[in-house]
Amino acid sequence: IVVEPPATPIIAKNNPFLVQNLIWLCLESAFGATTAGGTLRLAAERNGGRSGLRICGIDGLTEDFAAQLPAVCADLLDASGAKLIVDSVKKDLNLILT
């Protein structure tokens, strides 16, 4: 994992417990969809006025990635008001927070 720190701090005003669990579920699934020896990049960023985390380099990422996540992930997304965007072309997963 390579962490790309933002140029300026990104602050997410959300439930830290929910966000931590969401990030872990996304990372765990991203590890499973990445070739051994591959590198995942994490980048905090602003997206349309919202805070987010972009996970890049998921070489096995497919459009149905979100459907393959554990069922509890949908509950966490709903409870936190977050959104998960899969881009199978760029091999990016974007977790957009409120």
N, C-alpha and C. Protein backbone atom coordinates (compact mmCIF):
# COMPACT_ATOMS: atom_id res chain seq x y z
N ILE A 1 0.85 -1.18 0.00
CA ILE A 1 0.00 0.00 0.00
C ILE A 1 0.89 1.24 0.00
N VAL A 2 0.53 2.18 -0.86
CA VAL A 2 1.21 3.47 -0.90
C VAL A 2 0.16 4.53 -0.57
N VAL A 3 0.44 5.33 0.43
CA VAL A 3 -0.48 6.40 0.81
C VAL A 3 0.01 7.70 0.18
N GLU A 4 -0.89 8.34 -0.57
CA GLU A 4 -0.58 9.62 -1.21
C GLU A 4 -1.24 10.73 -0.39
N PRO A 5 -0.48 11.41 0.46
CA PRO A 5 -1.09 12.44 1.30
C PRO A 5 -1.57 13.63 0.46
N PRO A 6 -2.69 14.22 0.86
CA PRO A 6 -3.19 15.38 0.13
C PRO A 6 -2.32 16.60 0.40
N ALA A 7 -2.35 17.56 -0.52
CA ALA A 7 -1.57 18.79 -0.36
C ALA A 7 -2.07 19.59 0.85
N THR A 8 -3.38 19.57 1.07
CA THR A 8 -3.98 20.22 2.23
C THR A 8 -4.84 19.19 2.95
N PRO A 9 -5.02 19.35 4.26
CA PRO A 9 -5.81 18.38 5.01
C PRO A 9 -7.24 18.23 4.47
N ILE A 10 -7.72 17.00 4.48
CA ILE A 10 -9.10 16.69 4.07
C ILE A 10 -9.82 16.25 5.34
N ILE A 11 -10.88 16.94 5.67
CA ILE A 11 -11.63 16.62 6.89
C ILE A 11 -12.98 16.03 6.51
N ALA A 12 -13.26 14.87 7.07
CA ALA A 12 -14.55 14.22 6.84
C ALA A 12 -15.34 14.30 8.14
N LYS A 13 -16.53 14.87 8.07
CA LYS A 13 -17.39 14.97 9.25
C LYS A 13 -18.41 13.84 9.17
N ASN A 14 -18.03 12.72 9.77
CA ASN A 14 -18.86 11.53 9.71
C ASN A 14 -18.56 10.70 10.94
N ASN A 15 -19.27 9.62 11.11
CA ASN A 15 -19.06 8.72 12.23
C ASN A 15 -17.76 7.94 11.99
N PRO A 16 -16.73 8.16 12.81
CA PRO A 16 -15.44 7.51 12.57
C PRO A 16 -15.51 5.99 12.59
N PHE A 17 -16.36 5.44 13.43
CA PHE A 17 -16.50 3.98 13.51
C PHE A 17 -17.02 3.41 12.20
N LEU A 18 -18.06 4.05 11.64
CA LEU A 18 -18.63 3.59 10.38
C LEU A 18 -17.62 3.74 9.24
N VAL A 19 -16.95 4.88 9.20
CA VAL A 19 -15.97 5.14 8.13
C VAL A 19 -14.81 4.14 8.21
N GLN A 20 -14.31 3.90 9.40
CA GLN A 20 -13.21 2.96 9.57
C GLN A 20 -13.61 1.57 9.08
N ASN A 21 -14.80 1.13 9.42
CA ASN A 21 -15.26 -0.19 8.98
C ASN A 21 -15.47 -0.23 7.47
N LEU A 22 -16.01 0.84 6.90
CA LEU A 22 -16.18 0.91 5.44
C LEU A 22 -14.83 0.82 4.73
N ILE A 23 -13.87 1.59 5.20
CA ILE A 23 -12.55 1.58 4.57
C ILE A 23 -11.94 0.18 4.67
N TRP A 24 -12.04 -0.43 5.83
CA TRP A 24 -11.46 -1.76 5.99
C TRP A 24 -12.13 -2.77 5.05
N LEU A 25 -13.45 -2.77 4.95
CA LEU A 25 -14.14 -3.70 4.05
C LEU A 25 -13.73 -3.48 2.60
N CYS A 26 -13.61 -2.22 2.20
CA CYS A 26 -13.19 -1.91 0.83
C CYS A 26 -11.75 -2.37 0.59
N LEU A 27 -10.87 -2.10 1.55
CA LEU A 27 -9.47 -2.52 1.41
C LEU A 27 -9.34 -4.03 1.37
N GLU A 28 -10.05 -4.70 2.24
CA GLU A 28 -9.98 -6.16 2.29
C GLU A 28 -10.41 -6.77 0.95
N SER A 29 -11.47 -6.25 0.38
CA SER A 29 -11.93 -6.74 -0.92
C SER A 29 -10.97 -6.33 -2.04
N ALA A 30 -10.39 -5.13 -1.93
CA ALA A 30 -9.43 -4.68 -2.93
C ALA A 30 -8.18 -5.57 -2.92
N PHE A 31 -7.74 -5.97 -1.72
CA PHE A 31 -6.60 -6.89 -1.63
C PHE A 31 -6.89 -8.17 -2.40
N GLY A 32 -8.11 -8.69 -2.24
CA GLY A 32 -8.50 -9.93 -2.91
C GLY A 32 -8.61 -9.79 -4.42
N ALA A 33 -8.81 -8.57 -4.91
CA ALA A 33 -8.97 -8.34 -6.35
C ALA A 33 -7.69 -7.82 -6.99
N THR A 34 -6.60 -7.81 -6.23
CA THR A 34 -5.32 -7.30 -6.74
C THR A 34 -4.33 -8.45 -6.87
N THR A 35 -3.62 -8.47 -7.96
CA THR A 35 -2.62 -9.50 -8.22
C THR A 35 -1.54 -9.47 -7.13
N ALA A 36 -1.06 -10.66 -6.75
CA ALA A 36 0.02 -10.75 -5.76
C ALA A 36 1.19 -9.89 -6.23
N GLY A 37 1.72 -9.11 -5.33
CA GLY A 37 2.83 -8.22 -5.66
C GLY A 37 2.38 -6.87 -6.21
N GLY A 38 1.07 -6.71 -6.40
CA GLY A 38 0.54 -5.44 -6.89
C GLY A 38 0.58 -4.38 -5.81
N THR A 39 0.43 -3.15 -6.21
CA THR A 39 0.47 -2.03 -5.27
C THR A 39 -0.84 -1.27 -5.31
N LEU A 40 -1.45 -1.11 -4.15
CA LEU A 40 -2.64 -0.28 -4.03
C LEU A 40 -2.20 1.10 -3.57
N ARG A 41 -2.83 2.13 -4.12
CA ARG A 41 -2.55 3.50 -3.72
C ARG A 41 -3.80 4.08 -3.07
N LEU A 42 -3.62 4.75 -1.95
CA LEU A 42 -4.72 5.39 -1.24
C LEU A 42 -4.53 6.89 -1.30
N ALA A 43 -5.58 7.59 -1.70
CA ALA A 43 -5.49 9.05 -1.80
C ALA A 43 -6.77 9.68 -1.25
N ALA A 44 -6.62 10.49 -0.21
CA ALA A 44 -7.75 11.27 0.30
C ALA A 44 -7.93 12.46 -0.62
N GLU A 45 -9.18 12.79 -0.94
CA GLU A 45 -9.42 13.91 -1.84
C GLU A 45 -10.81 14.49 -1.64
N ARG A 46 -11.00 15.68 -2.19
CA ARG A 46 -12.31 16.33 -2.21
C ARG A 46 -12.97 15.96 -3.52
N ASN A 47 -14.26 15.64 -3.46
CA ASN A 47 -15.00 15.23 -4.65
C ASN A 47 -16.35 15.92 -4.61
N GLY A 48 -16.52 16.93 -5.43
CA GLY A 48 -17.79 17.65 -5.46
C GLY A 48 -18.18 18.23 -4.12
N GLY A 49 -17.21 18.75 -3.37
CA GLY A 49 -17.49 19.34 -2.07
C GLY A 49 -17.58 18.32 -0.94
N ARG A 50 -17.36 17.06 -1.26
CA ARG A 50 -17.40 16.00 -0.24
C ARG A 50 -16.01 15.39 -0.09
N SER A 51 -15.74 14.86 1.08
CA SER A 51 -14.47 14.17 1.32
C SER A 51 -14.57 12.76 0.79
N GLY A 52 -13.43 12.23 0.39
CA GLY A 52 -13.44 10.87 -0.11
C GLY A 52 -12.09 10.21 -0.05
N LEU A 53 -12.11 8.91 -0.28
CA LEU A 53 -10.89 8.12 -0.34
C LEU A 53 -10.90 7.36 -1.65
N ARG A 54 -9.84 7.51 -2.42
CA ARG A 54 -9.70 6.80 -3.69
C ARG A 54 -8.69 5.69 -3.49
N ILE A 55 -9.09 4.47 -3.84
CA ILE A 55 -8.20 3.31 -3.79
C ILE A 55 -7.90 2.95 -5.24
N CYS A 56 -6.64 3.06 -5.62
CA CYS A 56 -6.22 2.86 -7.02
C CYS A 56 -5.35 1.62 -7.15
N GLY A 57 -5.32 1.09 -8.38
CA GLY A 57 -4.44 -0.03 -8.67
C GLY A 57 -5.06 -1.39 -8.44
N ILE A 58 -6.38 -1.46 -8.40
CA ILE A 58 -7.07 -2.74 -8.19
C ILE A 58 -7.20 -3.40 -9.56
N ASP A 59 -6.17 -4.15 -9.96
CA ASP A 59 -6.13 -4.65 -11.33
C ASP A 59 -7.23 -5.66 -11.66
N GLY A 60 -7.84 -6.29 -10.67
CA GLY A 60 -8.93 -7.23 -10.92
C GLY A 60 -10.30 -6.62 -10.69
N LEU A 61 -10.37 -5.30 -10.66
CA LEU A 61 -11.63 -4.61 -10.38
C LEU A 61 -12.61 -4.77 -11.54
N THR A 62 -13.83 -5.16 -11.20
CA THR A 62 -14.89 -5.31 -12.19
C THR A 62 -16.08 -4.44 -11.78
N GLU A 63 -16.99 -4.20 -12.72
CA GLU A 63 -18.15 -3.34 -12.45
C GLU A 63 -19.02 -3.89 -11.31
N ASP A 64 -19.01 -5.21 -11.10
CA ASP A 64 -19.85 -5.79 -10.05
C ASP A 64 -19.11 -5.90 -8.71
N PHE A 65 -18.01 -5.17 -8.56
CA PHE A 65 -17.21 -5.21 -7.33
C PHE A 65 -18.07 -4.91 -6.11
N ALA A 66 -18.88 -3.86 -6.17
CA ALA A 66 -19.70 -3.46 -5.02
C ALA A 66 -20.66 -4.57 -4.62
N ALA A 67 -21.19 -5.31 -5.59
CA ALA A 67 -22.12 -6.40 -5.30
C ALA A 67 -21.41 -7.56 -4.61
N GLN A 68 -20.10 -7.65 -4.76
CA GLN A 68 -19.33 -8.73 -4.15
C GLN A 68 -18.89 -8.41 -2.72
N LEU A 69 -19.08 -7.18 -2.29
CA LEU A 69 -18.73 -6.80 -0.92
C LEU A 69 -19.67 -7.48 0.07
N PRO A 70 -19.23 -7.68 1.31
CA PRO A 70 -20.13 -8.25 2.31
C PRO A 70 -21.40 -7.41 2.45
N ALA A 71 -22.52 -8.06 2.76
CA ALA A 71 -23.81 -7.37 2.86
C ALA A 71 -23.78 -6.21 3.84
N VAL A 72 -23.00 -6.32 4.89
CA VAL A 72 -22.93 -5.26 5.89
C VAL A 72 -22.40 -3.96 5.30
N CYS A 73 -21.67 -4.04 4.20
CA CYS A 73 -21.13 -2.84 3.57
C CYS A 73 -22.25 -1.91 3.11
N ALA A 74 -23.31 -2.48 2.54
CA ALA A 74 -24.46 -1.67 2.11
C ALA A 74 -25.10 -0.97 3.30
N ASP A 75 -25.17 -1.66 4.43
CA ASP A 75 -25.73 -1.06 5.65
C ASP A 75 -24.86 0.09 6.14
N LEU A 76 -23.54 -0.10 6.09
CA LEU A 76 -22.62 0.95 6.53
C LEU A 76 -22.67 2.16 5.60
N LEU A 77 -22.77 1.91 4.30
CA LEU A 77 -22.90 3.01 3.34
C LEU A 77 -24.17 3.81 3.62
N ASP A 78 -25.26 3.10 3.85
CA ASP A 78 -26.54 3.75 4.12
C ASP A 78 -26.49 4.55 5.43
N ALA A 79 -25.97 3.93 6.48
CA ALA A 79 -25.93 4.58 7.79
C ALA A 79 -25.02 5.82 7.80
N SER A 80 -23.97 5.79 7.00
CA SER A 80 -23.03 6.91 6.99
C SER A 80 -23.34 7.94 5.91
N GLY A 81 -24.26 7.61 5.00
CA GLY A 81 -24.57 8.52 3.90
C GLY A 81 -23.47 8.55 2.85
N ALA A 82 -22.61 7.54 2.87
CA ALA A 82 -21.50 7.48 1.92
C ALA A 82 -21.95 6.82 0.61
N LYS A 83 -21.10 6.97 -0.39
CA LYS A 83 -21.38 6.39 -1.71
C LYS A 83 -20.11 5.72 -2.20
N LEU A 84 -20.27 4.58 -2.85
CA LEU A 84 -19.13 3.84 -3.40
C LEU A 84 -19.23 3.86 -4.92
N ILE A 85 -18.18 4.34 -5.57
CA ILE A 85 -18.15 4.43 -7.03
C ILE A 85 -17.03 3.54 -7.55
N VAL A 86 -17.39 2.62 -8.44
CA VAL A 86 -16.43 1.69 -9.04
C VAL A 86 -16.11 2.16 -10.45
N ASP A 87 -14.83 2.30 -10.76
CA ASP A 87 -14.41 2.64 -12.12
C ASP A 87 -13.49 1.52 -12.60
N SER A 88 -14.07 0.54 -13.31
CA SER A 88 -13.30 -0.62 -13.74
C SER A 88 -12.30 -0.28 -14.84
N VAL A 89 -12.48 0.84 -15.53
CA VAL A 89 -11.54 1.25 -16.57
C VAL A 89 -10.26 1.80 -15.92
N LYS A 90 -10.43 2.70 -14.94
CA LYS A 90 -9.28 3.29 -14.25
C LYS A 90 -8.75 2.38 -13.15
N LYS A 91 -9.52 1.33 -12.82
CA LYS A 91 -9.16 0.40 -11.73
C LYS A 91 -9.14 1.12 -10.39
N ASP A 92 -10.10 2.04 -10.22
CA ASP A 92 -10.23 2.85 -9.01
C ASP A 92 -11.53 2.54 -8.29
N LEU A 93 -11.47 2.65 -6.99
CA LEU A 93 -12.65 2.56 -6.14
C LEU A 93 -12.69 3.85 -5.35
N ASN A 94 -13.81 4.56 -5.41
CA ASN A 94 -13.95 5.84 -4.71
C ASN A 94 -15.01 5.72 -3.63
N LEU A 95 -14.61 5.98 -2.41
CA LEU A 95 -15.52 6.02 -1.28
C LEU A 95 -15.77 7.49 -0.98
N ILE A 96 -16.98 7.96 -1.28
CA ILE A 96 -17.33 9.36 -1.11
C ILE A 96 -18.12 9.50 0.19
N LEU A 97 -17.63 10.35 1.08
CA LEU A 97 -18.25 10.56 2.39
C LEU A 97 -19.04 11.86 2.40
N THR A 98 -19.87 12.03 3.42
CA THR A 98 -20.64 13.27 3.55
C THR A 98 -19.79 14.33 4.20
